[in-house]
PDB file of N, CA and C in Angstrom:
ATOM      1  N   MET A   1      86.112  92.755  85.711  1.00  0.00           N
ATOM      2  CA  MET A   1      86.932  92.418  86.858  1.00  0.00           C
ATOM      3  C   MET A   1      86.125  91.613  87.875  1.00  0.00           C
ATOM      4  N   ASP A   2      84.845  91.944  88.069  1.00  0.00           N
ATOM      5  CA  ASP A   2      84.024  91.208  89.027  1.00  0.00           C
ATOM      6  C   ASP A   2      83.860  89.744  88.627  1.00  0.00           C
ATOM      7  N   GLU A   3      83.711  89.488  87.328  1.00  0.00           N
ATOM      8  CA  GLU A   3      83.589  88.114  86.852  1.00  0.00           C
ATOM      9  C   GLU A   3      84.869  87.337  87.128  1.00  0.00           C
ATOM     10  N   ILE A   4      85.997  87.985  86.938  1.00  0.00           N
ATOM     11  CA  ILE A   4      87.285  87.340  87.200  1.00  0.00           C
ATOM     12  C   ILE A   4      87.406  87.012  88.683  1.00  0.00           C
ATOM     13  N   LYS A   5      86.982  87.936  89.539  1.00  0.00           N
ATOM     14  CA  LYS A   5      87.017  87.681  90.984  1.00  0.00           C
ATOM     15  C   LYS A   5      86.139  86.481  91.334  1.00  0.00           C
ATOM     16  N   ARG A   6      84.956  86.386  90.738  1.00  0.00           N
ATOM     17  CA  ARG A   6      84.057  85.261  91.016  1.00  0.00           C
ATOM     18  C   ARG A   6      84.683  83.938  90.578  1.00  0.00           C
ATOM     19  N   GLN A   7      85.367  83.949  89.443  1.00  0.00           N
ATOM     20  CA  GLN A   7      86.004  82.724  88.961  1.00  0.00           C
ATOM     21  C   GLN A   7      87.180  82.321  89.852  1.00  0.00           C
ATOM     22  N   ALA A   8      87.927  83.300  90.323  1.00  0.00           N
ATOM     23  CA  ALA A   8      89.106  83.030  91.147  1.00  0.00           C
ATOM     24  C   ALA A   8      88.732  82.649  92.577  1.00  0.00           C
ATOM     25  N   ASP A   9      87.580  83.146  93.041  1.00  0.00           N
ATOM     26  CA  ASP A   9      87.142  82.902  94.420  1.00  0.00           C
ATOM     27  C   ASP A   9      85.668  82.502  94.424  1.00  0.00           C
ATOM     28  N   PRO A  10      85.343  81.314  93.896  1.00  0.00           N
ATOM     29  CA  PRO A  10      83.937  80.917  93.765  1.00  0.00           C
ATOM     30  C   PRO A  10      83.195  80.793  95.088  1.00  0.00           C
ATOM     31  N   ASN A  11      83.921  80.558  96.168  1.00  0.00           N
ATOM     32  CA  ASN A  11      83.289  80.436  97.486  1.00  0.00           C
ATOM     33  C   ASN A  11      83.154  81.776  98.198  1.00  0.00           C
ATOM     34  N   ASP A  12      83.625  82.842  97.547  1.00  0.00           N
ATOM     35  CA  ASP A  12      83.580  84.194  98.115  1.00  0.00           C
ATOM     36  C   ASP A  12      84.220  84.259  99.499  1.00  0.00           C
ATOM     37  N   SER A  13      85.363  83.581  99.612  1.00  0.00           N
ATOM     38  CA  SER A  13      86.080  83.557 100.884  1.00  0.00           C
ATOM     39  C   SER A  13      86.891  84.826 101.109  1.00  0.00           C
ATOM     40  N   GLY A  14      87.122  85.559 100.027  1.00  0.00           N
ATOM     41  CA  GLY A  14      87.943  86.762 100.138  1.00  0.00           C
ATOM     42  C   GLY A  14      89.424  86.469 100.043  1.00  0.00           C
ATOM     43  N   ILE A  15      89.773  85.203  99.822  1.00  0.00           N
ATOM     44  CA  ILE A  15      91.177  84.794  99.739  1.00  0.00           C
ATOM     45  C   ILE A  15      91.433  84.155  98.383  1.00  0.00           C
ATOM     46  N   VAL A  16      92.344  84.767  97.632  1.00  0.00           N
ATOM     47  CA  VAL A  16      92.739  84.240  96.331  1.00  0.00           C
ATOM     48  C   VAL A  16      94.252  84.347  96.247  1.00  0.00           C
ATOM     49  N   ASP A  17      94.907  83.226  95.964  1.00  0.00           N
ATOM     50  CA  ASP A  17      96.357  83.317  95.819  1.00  0.00           C
ATOM     51  C   ASP A  17      96.685  83.912  94.445  1.00  0.00           C
ATOM     52  N   PHE A  18      97.845  84.492  94.354  1.00  0.00           N
ATOM     53  CA  PHE A  18      98.243  85.215  93.150  1.00  0.00           C
ATOM     54  C   PHE A  18      98.285  84.324  91.907  1.00  0.00           C
ATOM     55  N   PRO A  19      98.851  83.121  91.984  1.00  0.00           N
ATOM     56  CA  PRO A  19      98.867  82.276  90.782  1.00  0.00           C
ATOM     57  C   PRO A  19      97.459  81.974  90.259  1.00  0.00           C
ATOM     58  N   THR A  20      96.525  81.692  91.160  1.00  0.00           N
ATOM     59  CA  THR A  20      95.148  81.439  90.736  1.00  0.00           C
ATOM     60  C   THR A  20      94.559  82.676  90.084  1.00  0.00           C
ATOM     61  N   PHE A  21      94.787  83.820  90.718  1.00  0.00           N
ATOM     62  CA  PHE A  21      94.258  85.063  90.164  1.00  0.00           C
ATOM     63  C   PHE A  21      94.801  85.314  88.761  1.00  0.00           C
ATOM     64  N   LEU A  22      96.099  85.181  88.579  1.00  0.00           N
ATOM     65  CA  LEU A  22      96.694  85.432  87.267  1.00  0.00           C
ATOM     66  C   LEU A  22      96.211  84.432  86.227  1.00  0.00           C
ATOM     67  N   THR A  23      96.059  83.178  86.639  1.00  0.00           N
ATOM     68  CA  THR A  23      95.571  82.171  85.701  1.00  0.00           C
ATOM     69  C   THR A  23      94.166  82.500  85.231  1.00  0.00           C
ATOM     70  N   VAL A  24      93.281  82.792  86.167  1.00  0.00           N
ATOM     71  CA  VAL A  24      91.900  83.133  85.806  1.00  0.00           C
ATOM     72  C   VAL A  24      91.874  84.421  85.002  1.00  0.00           C
ATOM     73  N   TYR A  25      92.650  85.387  85.457  1.00  0.00           N
ATOM     74  CA  TYR A  25      92.716  86.676  84.758  1.00  0.00           C
ATOM     75  C   TYR A  25      93.199  86.476  83.323  1.00  0.00           C
ATOM     76  N   GLY A  26      94.270  85.720  83.170  1.00  0.00           N
ATOM     77  CA  GLY A  26      94.827  85.464  81.846  1.00  0.00           C
ATOM     78  C   GLY A  26      93.884  84.690  80.951  1.00  0.00           C
ATOM     79  N   ASN A  27      93.124  83.769  81.531  1.00  0.00           N
ATOM     80  CA  ASN A  27      92.170  82.989  80.753  1.00  0.00           C
ATOM     81  C   ASN A  27      91.036  83.846  80.212  1.00  0.00           C
ATOM     82  N   ASN A  28      90.817  84.999  80.805  1.00  0.00           N
ATOM     83  CA  ASN A  28      89.723  85.866  80.397  1.00  0.00           C
ATOM     84  C   ASN A  28      90.166  86.970  79.443  1.00  0.00           C
ATOM     85  N   LEU A  29      91.417  86.955  79.085  1.00  0.00           N
ATOM     86  CA  LEU A  29      91.940  87.982  78.189  1.00  0.00           C
ATOM     87  C   LEU A  29      92.136  87.418  76.794  1.00  0.00           C
ATOM     88  N   ARG A  30      91.842  88.230  75.821  1.00  0.00           N
ATOM     89  CA  ARG A  30      92.058  87.797  74.438  1.00  0.00           C
ATOM     90  C   ARG A  30      93.373  88.336  73.903  1.00  0.00           C
ATOM     91  N   ASP A  31      93.801  89.453  74.405  1.00  0.00           N
ATOM     92  CA  ASP A  31      95.033  90.091  73.966  1.00  0.00           C
ATOM     93  C   ASP A  31      96.094  89.900  75.047  1.00  0.00           C
ATOM     94  N   PRO A  32      97.363  90.117  74.715  1.00  0.00           N
ATOM     95  CA  PRO A  32      98.400  90.041  75.740  1.00  0.00           C
ATOM     96  C   PRO A  32      98.089  90.995  76.897  1.00  0.00           C
ATOM     97  N   ILE A  33      98.520  90.623  78.070  1.00  0.00           N
ATOM     98  CA  ILE A  33      98.264  91.431  79.257  1.00  0.00           C
ATOM     99  C   ILE A  33      99.045  92.735  79.147  1.00  0.00           C
ATOM    100  N   SER A  34      98.348  93.834  79.388  1.00  0.00           N
ATOM    101  CA  SER A  34      98.979  95.153  79.324  1.00  0.00           C
ATOM    102  C   SER A  34      99.597  95.512  80.672  1.00  0.00           C
ATOM    103  N   GLU A  35     100.421  96.524  80.640  1.00  0.00           N
ATOM    104  CA  GLU A  35     101.042  97.038  81.856  1.00  0.00           C
ATOM    105  C   GLU A  35      99.974  97.408  82.877  1.00  0.00           C
ATOM    106  N   GLN A  36      98.943  98.100  82.434  1.00  0.00           N
ATOM    107  CA  GLN A  36      97.879  98.549  83.335  1.00  0.00           C
ATOM    108  C   GLN A  36      97.140  97.368  83.948  1.00  0.00           C
ATOM    109  N   GLU A  37      96.935  96.313  83.188  1.00  0.00           N
ATOM    110  CA  GLU A  37      96.242  95.140  83.702  1.00  0.00           C
ATOM    111  C   GLU A  37      97.066  94.414  84.764  1.00  0.00           C
ATOM    112  N   ILE A  38      98.372  94.352  84.570  1.00  0.00           N
ATOM    113  CA  ILE A  38      99.237  93.726  85.569  1.00  0.00           C
ATOM    114  C   ILE A  38      99.236  94.555  86.844  1.00  0.00           C
ATOM    115  N   ILE A  39      99.294  95.870  86.691  1.00  0.00           N
ATOM    116  CA  ILE A  39      99.246  96.745  87.868  1.00  0.00           C
ATOM    117  C   ILE A  39      97.919  96.558  88.606  1.00  0.00           C
ATOM    118  N   LYS A  40      96.821  96.440  87.873  1.00  0.00           N
ATOM    119  CA  LYS A  40      95.517  96.208  88.511  1.00  0.00           C
ATOM    120  C   LYS A  40      95.523  94.899  89.294  1.00  0.00           C
ATOM    121  N   ALA A  41      96.169  93.871  88.750  1.00  0.00           N
ATOM    122  CA  ALA A  41      96.258  92.591  89.458  1.00  0.00           C
ATOM    123  C   ALA A  41      97.019  92.770  90.770  1.00  0.00           C
ATOM    124  N   PHE A  42      98.128  93.498  90.742  1.00  0.00           N
ATOM    125  CA  PHE A  42      98.868  93.786  91.970  1.00  0.00           C
ATOM    126  C   PHE A  42      98.009  94.593  92.941  1.00  0.00           C
ATOM    127  N   GLU A  43      97.259  95.567  92.433  1.00  0.00           N
ATOM    128  CA  GLU A  43      96.403  96.384  93.290  1.00  0.00           C
ATOM    129  C   GLU A  43      95.368  95.536  94.021  1.00  0.00           C
ATOM    130  N   GLU A  44      94.857  94.510  93.348  1.00  0.00           N
ATOM    131  CA  GLU A  44      93.880  93.619  93.984  1.00  0.00           C
ATOM    132  C   GLU A  44      94.505  92.867  95.157  1.00  0.00           C
ATOM    133  N   LEU A  45      95.797  92.622  95.105  1.00  0.00           N
ATOM    134  CA  LEU A  45      96.497  91.895  96.166  1.00  0.00           C
ATOM    135  C   LEU A  45      97.100  92.816  97.220  1.00  0.00           C
ATOM    136  N   ASP A  46      97.050  94.105  96.970  1.00  0.00           N
ATOM    137  CA  ASP A  46      97.660  95.097  97.855  1.00  0.00           C
ATOM    138  C   ASP A  46      96.688  95.445  98.986  1.00  0.00           C
ATOM    139  N   GLU A  47      96.743  94.669 100.052  1.00  0.00           N
ATOM    140  CA  GLU A  47      95.812  94.836 101.171  1.00  0.00           C
ATOM    141  C   GLU A  47      95.901  96.213 101.815  1.00  0.00           C
ATOM    142  N   ASN A  48      97.093  96.767 101.897  1.00  0.00           N
ATOM    143  CA  ASN A  48      97.293  98.067 102.555  1.00  0.00           C
ATOM    144  C   ASN A  48      97.133  99.254 101.613  1.00  0.00           C
ATOM    145  N   LYS A  49      96.979  98.958 100.317  1.00  0.00           N
ATOM    146  CA  LYS A  49      96.825 100.002  99.290  1.00  0.00           C
ATOM    147  C   LYS A  49      97.964 101.020  99.349  1.00  0.00           C
ATOM    148  N   ARG A  50      99.197 100.489  99.510  1.00  0.00           N
ATOM    149  CA  ARG A  50     100.389 101.348  99.579  1.00  0.00           C
ATOM    150  C   ARG A  50     101.187 101.333  98.288  1.00  0.00           C
ATOM    151  N   GLY A  51     100.794 100.466  97.346  1.00  0.00           N
ATOM    152  CA  GLY A  51     101.525 100.399  96.091  1.00  0.00           C
ATOM    153  C   GLY A  51     102.827  99.639  96.202  1.00  0.00           C
ATOM    154  N   GLN A  52     102.930  98.808  97.249  1.00  0.00           N
ATOM    155  CA  GLN A  52     104.172  98.080  97.479  1.00  0.00           C
ATOM    156  C   GLN A  52     103.903  96.599  97.730  1.00  0.00           C
ATOM    157  N   ILE A  53     104.928  95.817  97.460  1.00  0.00           N
ATOM    158  CA  ILE A  53     104.917  94.389  97.756  1.00  0.00           C
ATOM    159  C   ILE A  53     106.309  94.047  98.279  1.00  0.00           C
ATOM    160  N   SER A  54     106.366  93.153  99.243  1.00  0.00           N
ATOM    161  CA  SER A  54     107.677  92.777  99.781  1.00  0.00           C
ATOM    162  C   SER A  54     108.422  91.927  98.755  1.00  0.00           C
ATOM    163  N   VAL A  55     109.739  92.004  98.795  1.00  0.00           N
ATOM    164  CA  VAL A  55     110.568  91.189  97.902  1.00  0.00           C
ATOM    165  C   VAL A  55     110.267  89.713  98.153  1.00  0.00           C
ATOM    166  N   LYS A  56     110.085  89.346  99.416  1.00  0.00           N
ATOM    167  CA  LYS A  56     109.804  87.954  99.767  1.00  0.00           C
ATOM    168  C   LYS A  56     108.508  87.490  99.101  1.00  0.00           C
ATOM    169  N   LYS A  57     107.451  88.305  99.174  1.00  0.00           N
ATOM    170  CA  LYS A  57     106.174  87.931  98.567  1.00  0.00           C
ATOM    171  C   LYS A  57     106.278  87.925  97.044  1.00  0.00           C
ATOM    172  N   LEU A  58     106.984  88.911  96.480  1.00  0.00           N
ATOM    173  CA  LEU A  58     107.159  88.975  95.034  1.00  0.00           C
ATOM    174  C   LEU A  58     107.887  87.733  94.536  1.00  0.00           C
ATOM    175  N   LYS A  59     108.915  87.329  95.249  1.00  0.00           N
ATOM    176  CA  LYS A  59     109.679  86.132  94.875  1.00  0.00           C
ATOM    177  C   LYS A  59     108.783  84.894  94.954  1.00  0.00           C
ATOM    178  N   HIS A  60     107.988  84.804  95.990  1.00  0.00           N
ATOM    179  CA  HIS A  60     107.073  83.665  96.130  1.00  0.00           C
ATOM    180  C   HIS A  60     106.073  83.644  94.974  1.00  0.00           C
ATOM    181  N   LEU A  61     105.520  84.791  94.638  1.00  0.00           N
ATOM    182  CA  LEU A  61     104.547  84.865  93.552  1.00  0.00           C
ATOM    183  C   LEU A  61     105.158  84.452  92.223  1.00  0.00           C
ATOM    184  N   MET A  62     106.368  84.925  91.982  1.00  0.00           N
ATOM    185  CA  MET A  62     107.025  84.584  90.722  1.00  0.00           C
ATOM    186  C   MET A  62     107.356  83.096  90.647  1.00  0.00           C
ATOM    187  N   SER A  63     107.666  82.492  91.778  1.00  0.00           N
ATOM    188  CA  SER A  63     108.032  81.076  91.760  1.00  0.00           C
ATOM    189  C   SER A  63     106.813  80.158  91.704  1.00  0.00           C
ATOM    190  N   SER A  64     105.624  80.708  91.942  1.00  0.00           N
ATOM    191  CA  SER A  64     104.437  79.851  91.959  1.00  0.00           C
ATOM    192  C   SER A  64     103.406  80.223  90.898  1.00  0.00           C
ATOM    193  N   CYS A  65     103.776  81.099  89.970  1.00  0.00           N
ATOM    194  CA  CYS A  65     102.861  81.486  88.898  1.00  0.00           C
ATOM    195  C   CYS A  65     102.640  80.330  87.934  1.00  0.00           C
ATOM    196  N   ALA A  66     101.617  80.490  87.098  1.00  0.00           N
ATOM    197  CA  ALA A  66     101.296  79.462  86.104  1.00  0.00           C
ATOM    198  C   ALA A  66     102.521  79.137  85.248  1.00  0.00           C
ATOM    199  N   GLU A  67     103.277  80.167  84.879  1.00  0.00           N
ATOM    200  CA  GLU A  67     104.517  79.964  84.130  1.00  0.00           C
ATOM    201  C   GLU A  67     105.647  79.904  85.142  1.00  0.00           C
ATOM    202  N   ILE A  68     105.987  78.721  85.577  1.00  0.00           N
ATOM    203  CA  ILE A  68     106.986  78.542  86.627  1.00  0.00           C
ATOM    204  C   ILE A  68     108.338  79.049  86.145  1.00  0.00           C
ATOM    205  N   MET A  69     108.933  79.853  86.996  1.00  0.00           N
ATOM    206  CA  MET A  69     110.244  80.426  86.695  1.00  0.00           C
ATOM    207  C   MET A  69     111.275  79.738  87.575  1.00  0.00           C
ATOM    208  N   ASP A  70     112.470  79.518  87.024  1.00  0.00           N
ATOM    209  CA  ASP A  70     113.509  78.934  87.854  1.00  0.00           C
ATOM    210  C   ASP A  70     114.187  80.038  88.663  1.00  0.00           C
ATOM    211  N   GLU A  71     115.012  79.627  89.599  1.00  0.00           N
ATOM    212  CA  GLU A  71     115.653  80.562  90.532  1.00  0.00           C
ATOM    213  C   GLU A  71     116.466  81.636  89.805  1.00  0.00           C
ATOM    214  N   GLU A  72     117.166  81.245  88.748  1.00  0.00           N
ATOM    215  CA  GLU A  72     117.987  82.197  87.994  1.00  0.00           C
ATOM    216  C   GLU A  72     117.119  83.273  87.332  1.00  0.00           C
ATOM    217  N   GLU A  73     115.994  82.863  86.744  1.00  0.00           N
ATOM    218  CA  GLU A  73     115.080  83.836  86.109  1.00  0.00           C
ATOM    219  C   GLU A  73     114.491  84.789  87.143  1.00  0.00           C
ATOM    220  N   ILE A  74     114.130  84.240  88.290  1.00  0.00           N
ATOM    221  CA  ILE A  74     113.569  85.066  89.358  1.00  0.00           C
ATOM    222  C   ILE A  74     114.593  86.088  89.829  1.00  0.00           C
ATOM    223  N   GLU A  75     115.812  85.643  90.048  1.00  0.00           N
ATOM    224  CA  GLU A  75     116.864  86.561  90.512  1.00  0.00           C
ATOM    225  C   GLU A  75     117.136  87.664  89.491  1.00  0.00           C
ATOM    226  N   LYS A  76     117.090  87.327  88.190  1.00  0.00           N
ATOM    227  CA  LYS A  76     117.280  88.342  87.155  1.00  0.00           C
ATOM    228  C   LYS A  76     116.184  89.401  87.233  1.00  0.00           C
ATOM    229  N   MET A  77     114.939  88.957  87.422  1.00  0.00           N
ATOM    230  CA  MET A  77     113.832  89.904  87.525  1.00  0.00           C
ATOM    231  C   MET A  77     113.935  90.730  88.799  1.00  0.00           C
ATOM    232  N   LEU A  78     114.291  90.087  89.898  1.00  0.00           N
ATOM    233  CA  LEU A  78     114.397  90.810  91.170  1.00  0.00           C
ATOM    234  C   LEU A  78     115.502  91.860  91.135  1.00  0.00           C
ATOM    235  N   HIS A  79     116.483  91.661  90.267  1.00  0.00           N
ATOM    236  CA  HIS A  79     117.557  92.646  90.104  1.00  0.00           C
ATOM    237  C   HIS A  79     116.974  94.013  89.740  1.00  0.00           C
ATOM    238  N   TYR A  80     115.873  94.013  88.997  1.00  0.00           N
ATOM    239  CA  TYR A  80     115.244  95.254  88.561  1.00  0.00           C
ATOM    240  C   TYR A  80     114.208  95.779  89.553  1.00  0.00           C
ATOM    241  N   ALA A  81     113.950  95.049  90.626  1.00  0.00           N
ATOM    242  CA  ALA A  81     112.895  95.415  91.564  1.00  0.00           C
ATOM    243  C   ALA A  81     113.219  96.655  92.398  1.00  0.00           C
ATOM    244  N   GLN A  82     114.465  96.893  92.699  1.00  0.00           N
ATOM    245  CA  GLN A  82     114.923  98.041  93.476  1.00  0.00           C
ATOM    246  C   GLN A  82     114.144  98.222  94.780  1.00  0.00           C
ATOM    247  N   PRO A  83     114.284  97.268  95.713  1.00  0.00           N
ATOM    248  CA  PRO A  83     113.558  97.381  96.980  1.00  0.00           C
ATOM    249  C   PRO A  83     114.052  98.556  97.820  1.00  0.00           C
ATOM    250  N   ASP A  84     113.155  99.058  98.663  1.00  0.00           N
ATOM    251  CA  ASP A  84     113.531 100.128  99.579  1.00  0.00           C
ATOM    252  C   ASP A  84     114.252  99.517 100.779  1.00  0.00           C
ATOM    253  N   GLN A  85     114.554 100.334 101.789  1.00  0.00           N
ATOM    254  CA  GLN A  85     115.319  99.859 102.947  1.00  0.00           C
ATOM    255  C   GLN A  85     114.556  98.813 103.760  1.00  0.00           C
ATOM    256  N   GLU A  86     113.234  98.793 103.630  1.00  0.00           N
ATOM    257  CA  GLU A  86     112.422  97.827 104.365  1.00  0.00           C
ATOM    258  C   GLU A  86     112.172  96.546 103.567  1.00  0.00           C
ATOM    259  N   GLY A  87     112.739  96.460 102.354  1.00  0.00           N
ATOM    260  CA  GLY A  87     112.581  95.269 101.539  1.00  0.00           C
ATOM    261  C   GLY A  87     111.289  95.241 100.741  1.00  0.00           C
ATOM    262  N   ASN A  88     110.709  96.423 100.496  1.00  0.00           N
ATOM    263  CA  ASN A  88     109.479  96.520  99.712  1.00  0.00           C
ATOM    264  C   ASN A  88     109.768  97.092  98.336  1.00  0.00           C
ATOM    265  N   VAL A  89     108.954  96.654  97.374  1.00  0.00           N
ATOM    266  CA  VAL A  89     109.109  97.084  95.988  1.00  0.00           C
ATOM    267  C   VAL A  89     107.859  97.854  95.573  1.00  0.00           C
ATOM    268  N   ASN A  90     108.068  98.982  94.909  1.00  0.00           N
ATOM    269  CA  ASN A  90     106.947  99.702  94.309  1.00  0.00           C
ATOM    270  C   ASN A  90     106.554  98.905  93.080  1.00  0.00           C
ATOM    271  N   TYR A  91     105.409  98.226  93.154  1.00  0.00           N
ATOM    272  CA  TYR A  91     105.061  97.311  92.061  1.00  0.00           C
ATOM    273  C   TYR A  91     104.714  98.042  90.775  1.00  0.00           C
ATOM    274  N   ARG A  92     104.260  99.267  90.846  1.00  0.00           N
ATOM    275  CA  ARG A  92     103.986 100.018  89.607  1.00  0.00           C
ATOM    276  C   ARG A  92     105.288 100.266  88.837  1.00  0.00           C
ATOM    277  N   GLU A  93     106.309 100.710  89.555  1.00  0.00           N
ATOM    278  CA  GLU A  93     107.615 100.944  88.919  1.00  0.00           C
ATOM    279  C   GLU A  93     108.221  99.629  88.424  1.00  0.00           C
ATOM    280  N   PHE A  94     108.067  98.569  89.213  1.00  0.00           N
ATOM    281  CA  PHE A  94     108.598  97.269  88.826  1.00  0.00           C
ATOM    282  C   PHE A  94     107.953  96.790  87.530  1.00  0.00           C
ATOM    283  N   VAL A  95     106.629  96.886  87.452  1.00  0.00           N
ATOM    284  CA  VAL A  95     105.919  96.447  86.243  1.00  0.00           C
ATOM    285  C   VAL A  95     106.355  97.277  85.048  1.00  0.00           C
ATOM    286  N   ARG A  96     106.443  98.581  85.213  1.00  0.00           N
ATOM    287  CA  ARG A  96     106.878  99.448  84.108  1.00  0.00           C
ATOM    288  C   ARG A  96     108.270  99.092  83.632  1.00  0.00           C
ATOM    289  N   THR A  97     109.156  98.820  84.575  1.00  0.00           N
ATOM    290  CA  THR A  97     110.530  98.449  84.225  1.00  0.00           C
ATOM    291  C   THR A  97     110.548  97.125  83.481  1.00  0.00           C
ATOM    292  N   MET A  98     109.796  96.139  83.972  1.00  0.00           N
ATOM    293  CA  MET A  98     109.795  94.825  83.336  1.00  0.00           C
ATOM    294  C   MET A  98     109.117  94.864  81.964  1.00  0.00           C
ATOM    295  N   MET A  99     108.106  95.677  81.803  1.00  0.00           N
ATOM    296  CA  MET A  99     107.427  95.768  80.503  1.00  0.00           C
ATOM    297  C   MET A  99     108.334  96.430  79.466  1.00  0.00           C
ATOM    298  N   ALA A 100     109.254  97.268  79.927  1.00  0.00           N
ATOM    299  CA  ALA A 100     110.170  97.951  79.009  1.00  0.00           C
ATOM    300  C   ALA A 100     111.306  97.023  78.579  1.00  0.00           C
ATOM    301  N   LYS A 101     111.517  95.919  79.303  1.00  0.00           N
ATOM    302  CA  LYS A 101     112.615  94.994  78.995  1.00  0.00           C
ATOM    303  C   LYS A 101     112.260  94.090  77.839  1.00  0.00           C
TER     304      LYS A 101
END
């Protein structure tokens, strides 16, 4: 994981956008990404360590990932996100749900 962080943030600025992180992370994997690995990627971006991501941020991440998704695909995925009243998604549950699909 430390090597992946160095590749994603070579200047050690402490700032890595999600698409860059996933691209570098994916480039370092030989096997398909597991549920646990995706959750770890979300954990790295979870500044508050609450296990949540806002729907707005999740939508932005999905629209700017290496594999660009169109609006219809994003909306289909967000259908399974089940945000709370504050518009936050438990990313662990979201990943588990999406991996089961």
